[in-house]
Amino acid sequence: MSQVIIDKDSEALIDLSPIALESLIHKDKTESRLSKRAIIILQTVAGEKRSTIAKSLGVNPSVVTKWKKCFAVDGVDGLLDMPRSGRHRKYTCIVCSC
């Protein structure tokens, strides 16, 4: 079930799927930074202030604003990391004959 919320900071309509955000937080294999981003959105929806959210998660208030804007634009997908630029690392197998 979706819910439409008006985010006063970015003046955008947010299509929120609480089930998707809750599942990100409670999955065993979710990276902690992604869980933190989902918590930022859920606490925003709950009416918490930016400074309160930042303090509770140990981040700068600008980080809270950044992820709220990303979520407003792209929904849950906006909370994911963007692909890194540059060449991917190559890993080689090292065989040790000790």
N, C-alpha and C. Protein backbone atom coordinates (compact mmCIF):
# COMPACT_ATOMS: atom_id res chain seq x y z
N MET A 1 0.84 -1.18 0.00
CA MET A 1 0.00 0.00 0.00
C MET A 1 0.88 1.24 0.00
N SER A 2 0.60 2.17 -0.87
CA SER A 2 1.40 3.39 -0.96
C SER A 2 0.70 4.53 -0.26
N GLN A 3 1.49 5.49 0.13
CA GLN A 3 0.98 6.63 0.85
C GLN A 3 1.70 7.85 0.29
N VAL A 4 0.98 8.93 0.04
CA VAL A 4 1.61 10.14 -0.49
C VAL A 4 1.82 11.12 0.64
N ILE A 5 3.03 11.63 0.73
CA ILE A 5 3.40 12.54 1.80
C ILE A 5 4.05 13.76 1.19
N ILE A 6 3.79 14.91 1.74
CA ILE A 6 4.45 16.12 1.27
C ILE A 6 5.65 16.39 2.17
N ASP A 7 6.82 16.45 1.56
CA ASP A 7 8.05 16.75 2.29
C ASP A 7 8.27 18.26 2.20
N LYS A 8 8.15 18.95 3.31
CA LYS A 8 8.24 20.42 3.32
C LYS A 8 9.62 20.93 2.94
N ASP A 9 10.68 20.16 3.25
CA ASP A 9 12.04 20.62 2.96
C ASP A 9 12.32 20.67 1.46
N SER A 10 11.91 19.65 0.74
CA SER A 10 12.23 19.62 -0.69
C SER A 10 11.01 19.99 -1.53
N GLU A 11 9.88 20.25 -0.87
CA GLU A 11 8.64 20.60 -1.54
C GLU A 11 8.31 19.62 -2.66
N ALA A 12 8.47 18.34 -2.36
CA ALA A 12 8.21 17.30 -3.35
C ALA A 12 7.19 16.32 -2.80
N LEU A 13 6.51 15.65 -3.69
CA LEU A 13 5.63 14.58 -3.28
C LEU A 13 6.45 13.30 -3.18
N ILE A 14 6.26 12.60 -2.10
CA ILE A 14 7.00 11.37 -1.88
C ILE A 14 6.01 10.21 -1.92
N ASP A 15 6.29 9.24 -2.76
CA ASP A 15 5.48 8.03 -2.79
C ASP A 15 6.18 7.03 -1.89
N LEU A 16 5.61 6.80 -0.73
CA LEU A 16 6.27 6.00 0.29
C LEU A 16 5.70 4.61 0.35
N SER A 17 6.56 3.64 0.31
CA SER A 17 6.16 2.27 0.52
C SER A 17 6.81 1.80 1.82
N PRO A 18 6.09 1.94 2.94
CA PRO A 18 6.68 1.59 4.24
C PRO A 18 7.15 0.15 4.31
N ILE A 19 6.46 -0.74 3.62
CA ILE A 19 6.85 -2.15 3.67
C ILE A 19 8.24 -2.34 3.07
N ALA A 20 8.52 -1.66 1.95
CA ALA A 20 9.83 -1.78 1.32
C ALA A 20 10.93 -1.22 2.22
N LEU A 21 10.66 -0.10 2.86
CA LEU A 21 11.66 0.50 3.75
C LEU A 21 11.89 -0.36 4.98
N GLU A 22 10.82 -0.88 5.57
CA GLU A 22 10.95 -1.74 6.74
C GLU A 22 11.74 -3.00 6.40
N SER A 23 11.50 -3.55 5.20
CA SER A 23 12.22 -4.76 4.82
C SER A 23 13.71 -4.48 4.63
N LEU A 24 14.05 -3.28 4.14
CA LEU A 24 15.47 -2.93 4.02
C LEU A 24 16.15 -2.89 5.38
N ILE A 25 15.44 -2.39 6.36
CA ILE A 25 16.02 -2.25 7.70
C ILE A 25 16.22 -3.61 8.35
N HIS A 26 15.29 -4.53 8.14
CA HIS A 26 15.31 -5.79 8.88
C HIS A 26 15.96 -6.97 8.17
N LYS A 27 16.39 -6.78 6.91
CA LYS A 27 17.07 -7.87 6.21
C LYS A 27 18.46 -8.07 6.81
N ASP A 28 18.86 -9.31 6.89
CA ASP A 28 20.17 -9.63 7.46
C ASP A 28 21.32 -9.15 6.59
N LYS A 29 21.14 -9.16 5.28
CA LYS A 29 22.24 -8.85 4.39
C LYS A 29 22.25 -7.42 3.88
N THR A 30 21.38 -6.57 4.40
CA THR A 30 21.36 -5.17 3.99
C THR A 30 22.55 -4.45 4.60
N GLU A 31 23.24 -3.67 3.78
CA GLU A 31 24.37 -2.89 4.29
C GLU A 31 23.87 -1.89 5.32
N SER A 32 24.69 -1.60 6.31
CA SER A 32 24.27 -0.71 7.39
C SER A 32 23.97 0.69 6.87
N ARG A 33 24.70 1.15 5.85
CA ARG A 33 24.44 2.49 5.34
C ARG A 33 23.09 2.58 4.65
N LEU A 34 22.66 1.50 3.99
CA LEU A 34 21.35 1.48 3.36
C LEU A 34 20.24 1.44 4.42
N SER A 35 20.48 0.68 5.47
CA SER A 35 19.52 0.64 6.59
C SER A 35 19.37 2.03 7.21
N LYS A 36 20.50 2.72 7.37
CA LYS A 36 20.48 4.06 7.94
C LYS A 36 19.65 5.01 7.09
N ARG A 37 19.80 4.90 5.78
CA ARG A 37 19.05 5.76 4.85
C ARG A 37 17.55 5.49 4.96
N ALA A 38 17.18 4.22 5.07
CA ALA A 38 15.76 3.87 5.22
C ALA A 38 15.22 4.40 6.54
N ILE A 39 16.02 4.34 7.59
CA ILE A 39 15.61 4.86 8.90
C ILE A 39 15.40 6.37 8.82
N ILE A 40 16.27 7.06 8.08
CA ILE A 40 16.12 8.51 7.90
C ILE A 40 14.75 8.83 7.31
N ILE A 41 14.35 8.08 6.28
CA ILE A 41 13.07 8.34 5.63
C ILE A 41 11.92 8.02 6.56
N LEU A 42 11.98 6.88 7.24
CA LEU A 42 10.89 6.51 8.14
C LEU A 42 10.74 7.49 9.30
N GLN A 43 11.85 7.97 9.84
CA GLN A 43 11.77 8.94 10.93
C GLN A 43 11.26 10.28 10.42
N THR A 44 11.58 10.64 9.19
CA THR A 44 11.05 11.87 8.59
C THR A 44 9.54 11.78 8.47
N VAL A 45 9.06 10.64 8.00
CA VAL A 45 7.63 10.42 7.85
C VAL A 45 6.93 10.47 9.21
N ALA A 46 7.63 9.99 10.23
CA ALA A 46 7.06 10.00 11.58
C ALA A 46 7.02 11.40 12.19
N GLY A 47 7.60 12.38 11.49
CA GLY A 47 7.54 13.76 11.96
C GLY A 47 8.74 14.22 12.76
N GLU A 48 9.79 13.42 12.78
CA GLU A 48 11.00 13.82 13.51
C GLU A 48 11.70 14.97 12.80
N LYS A 49 12.34 15.83 13.57
CA LYS A 49 13.11 16.95 13.00
C LYS A 49 14.43 16.43 12.44
N ARG A 50 14.94 17.16 11.46
CA ARG A 50 16.20 16.80 10.80
C ARG A 50 17.33 16.67 11.82
N SER A 51 17.44 17.61 12.73
CA SER A 51 18.53 17.58 13.71
C SER A 51 18.40 16.39 14.66
N THR A 52 17.18 16.04 15.01
CA THR A 52 16.95 14.89 15.89
C THR A 52 17.34 13.59 15.21
N ILE A 53 16.96 13.47 13.93
CA ILE A 53 17.30 12.27 13.16
C ILE A 53 18.82 12.16 13.04
N ALA A 54 19.47 13.26 12.69
CA ALA A 54 20.92 13.26 12.53
C ALA A 54 21.63 12.86 13.82
N LYS A 55 21.18 13.40 14.92
CA LYS A 55 21.81 13.10 16.21
C LYS A 55 21.62 11.62 16.57
N SER A 56 20.42 11.09 16.34
CA SER A 56 20.14 9.70 16.71
C SER A 56 20.95 8.70 15.87
N LEU A 57 21.28 9.08 14.64
CA LEU A 57 22.05 8.19 13.77
C LEU A 57 23.53 8.52 13.71
N GLY A 58 23.92 9.62 14.35
CA GLY A 58 25.34 10.00 14.36
C GLY A 58 25.84 10.51 13.03
N VAL A 59 24.97 11.24 12.31
CA VAL A 59 25.37 11.81 11.02
C VAL A 59 25.13 13.32 11.03
N ASN A 60 25.65 14.00 10.04
CA ASN A 60 25.45 15.43 9.88
C ASN A 60 24.03 15.68 9.36
N PRO A 61 23.37 16.75 9.79
CA PRO A 61 22.02 17.05 9.28
C PRO A 61 21.96 17.18 7.75
N SER A 62 23.06 17.57 7.12
CA SER A 62 23.06 17.67 5.65
C SER A 62 22.91 16.28 5.01
N VAL A 63 23.36 15.24 5.71
CA VAL A 63 23.21 13.87 5.20
C VAL A 63 21.72 13.50 5.19
N VAL A 64 21.02 13.90 6.22
CA VAL A 64 19.57 13.64 6.29
C VAL A 64 18.87 14.32 5.13
N THR A 65 19.20 15.57 4.89
CA THR A 65 18.60 16.32 3.78
C THR A 65 18.91 15.66 2.44
N LYS A 66 20.15 15.23 2.26
CA LYS A 66 20.56 14.60 1.00
C LYS A 66 19.70 13.38 0.70
N TRP A 67 19.53 12.50 1.68
CA TRP A 67 18.80 11.26 1.43
C TRP A 67 17.30 11.50 1.31
N LYS A 68 16.78 12.51 1.96
CA LYS A 68 15.38 12.86 1.78
C LYS A 68 15.13 13.32 0.34
N LYS A 69 16.06 14.11 -0.19
CA LYS A 69 15.92 14.59 -1.58
C LYS A 69 16.05 13.43 -2.57
N CYS A 70 17.02 12.55 -2.34
CA CYS A 70 17.19 11.40 -3.23
C CYS A 70 15.94 10.52 -3.23
N PHE A 71 15.35 10.33 -2.05
CA PHE A 71 14.14 9.53 -1.95
C PHE A 71 12.97 10.21 -2.63
N ALA A 72 12.90 11.53 -2.51
CA ALA A 72 11.82 12.28 -3.14
C ALA A 72 11.86 12.15 -4.66
N VAL A 73 13.07 12.07 -5.22
CA VAL A 73 13.22 11.99 -6.67
C VAL A 73 13.02 10.56 -7.19
N ASP A 74 13.67 9.58 -6.54
CA ASP A 74 13.71 8.21 -7.08
C ASP A 74 13.06 7.15 -6.21
N GLY A 75 12.43 7.54 -5.12
CA GLY A 75 11.82 6.54 -4.24
C GLY A 75 12.88 5.69 -3.57
N VAL A 76 12.54 4.44 -3.31
CA VAL A 76 13.46 3.53 -2.62
C VAL A 76 14.75 3.35 -3.41
N ASP A 77 14.67 3.36 -4.74
CA ASP A 77 15.88 3.23 -5.56
C ASP A 77 16.85 4.38 -5.34
N GLY A 78 16.36 5.54 -4.93
CA GLY A 78 17.21 6.68 -4.67
C GLY A 78 18.10 6.50 -3.46
N LEU A 79 17.80 5.52 -2.63
CA LEU A 79 18.61 5.26 -1.44
C LEU A 79 19.82 4.37 -1.74
N LEU A 80 19.84 3.79 -2.93
CA LEU A 80 20.96 2.91 -3.31
C LEU A 80 22.16 3.74 -3.74
N ASP A 81 23.35 3.16 -3.63
CA ASP A 81 24.57 3.83 -4.06
C ASP A 81 24.60 3.93 -5.58
N MET A 82 25.14 5.01 -6.07
CA MET A 82 25.35 5.17 -7.51
C MET A 82 26.58 4.36 -7.90
N PRO A 83 26.64 3.89 -9.15
CA PRO A 83 27.84 3.16 -9.58
C PRO A 83 29.07 4.06 -9.49
N ARG A 84 30.16 3.48 -9.09
CA ARG A 84 31.41 4.22 -8.97
C ARG A 84 32.06 4.37 -10.34
N SER A 85 32.73 5.49 -10.54
CA SER A 85 33.43 5.69 -11.81
C SER A 85 34.79 5.01 -11.75
N GLY A 86 35.38 4.83 -12.91
CA GLY A 86 36.71 4.25 -12.96
C GLY A 86 36.69 2.76 -13.21
N ARG A 87 37.86 2.24 -13.32
CA ARG A 87 38.04 0.83 -13.61
C ARG A 87 37.77 -0.02 -12.37
N HIS A 88 37.14 -1.17 -12.59
CA HIS A 88 36.90 -2.09 -11.48
C HIS A 88 38.19 -2.77 -11.07
N ARG A 89 38.28 -3.08 -9.81
CA ARG A 89 39.47 -3.78 -9.32
C ARG A 89 39.51 -5.19 -9.86
N LYS A 90 40.71 -5.66 -10.10
CA LYS A 90 40.91 -7.05 -10.52
C LYS A 90 41.52 -7.79 -9.36
N TYR A 91 40.91 -8.89 -9.03
CA TYR A 91 41.43 -9.72 -7.95
C TYR A 91 42.07 -10.95 -8.57
N THR A 92 43.22 -11.29 -8.07
CA THR A 92 43.90 -12.49 -8.55
C THR A 92 44.06 -13.46 -7.40
N CYS A 93 44.11 -14.70 -7.75
CA CYS A 93 44.31 -15.73 -6.73
C CYS A 93 45.80 -15.87 -6.45
N ILE A 94 46.13 -15.90 -5.20
CA ILE A 94 47.51 -16.11 -4.80
C ILE A 94 47.57 -17.46 -4.10
N VAL A 95 48.37 -18.33 -4.64
CA VAL A 95 48.48 -19.67 -4.08
C VAL A 95 49.72 -19.70 -3.22
N CYS A 96 49.53 -20.08 -1.99
CA CYS A 96 50.65 -20.15 -1.05
C CYS A 96 51.02 -21.61 -0.85
N SER A 97 52.27 -21.93 -1.06
CA SER A 97 52.73 -23.32 -0.84
C SER A 97 53.63 -23.35 0.39
N CYS A 98 53.04 -23.06 1.50
CA CYS A 98 53.81 -23.01 2.75
C CYS A 98 54.00 -24.38 3.34
